[in-house]
Amino acid sequence: MGPAVGHEEARGGALQTGLVAGATGLRLVLAPVVMGLVLARLDLLAAALFLVAAATDYLDGFFARHWRVTTSTGSFLDTTADKVLVTAALIGLVAISRTSAWVALVIVGREMVIMGLRGSAALQGVLITASQLGRVKAAIQFVAILVAILNLDGAVGPLGLDQWAMILAALITFGSGVDYLIRYSRVAVRQQASSEPGR
């Protein structure tokens, strides 16, 4: 996921800021392209572009921290781009019966709920940073989608490898969503307590 941010001051130059923003923008541009390629069953090309898009997630976060050009807005757009990419790929995979609609619902539903909560927290001036579980979740989602795009369905017990990968991604996604809700609730309770009269 995107870098954790606690301030708005950008300390890098315009070129560095532009490169980081460009990496996020590239992910948004590639999302519908990947979905189209998945729908066309051009597996290798779809997988290659998805891998490029996924790699930009780690590159823009790394360079944003390295060049110290992180902002709250940039962090929000970074995570939003991840969600758009994952959602686009899942829509394509469900359409060609490469993954379960229920798995897609768990993953996309979690992302929508958490994005809404992050936006609500941000309006209150509260930034809830990504947890380690959230970062693991993103990595597993990317790997599972890549496996499904490549149609690696070799049997592993009662299910195919791609099915196991998607189930794991759904479970980790659900778990990270619960973790975020718990952390959000704690922050909300502390904020409410601090705003009470006499405190």
Foldseek 3Di string as FASTA:
>chain_A
DADADDAADFQADPVLLVVLVVLLVLLQVCQLVLLVCLLVLVLVVSLVSLVSNLVSLVVSRVSCVVRVGDHPVSRLSSLVSLLSNLLSLVVSLVVVVLEDPVLSCLQNVLSVVVNVLQVVCVVVVHHDDQDPLNVVLSVLSSVLSSCSSNPQQCDDPPGGPSHVSSVVSSVSSNVSSVVSVVVSVVVVVVVVVVPDPPD
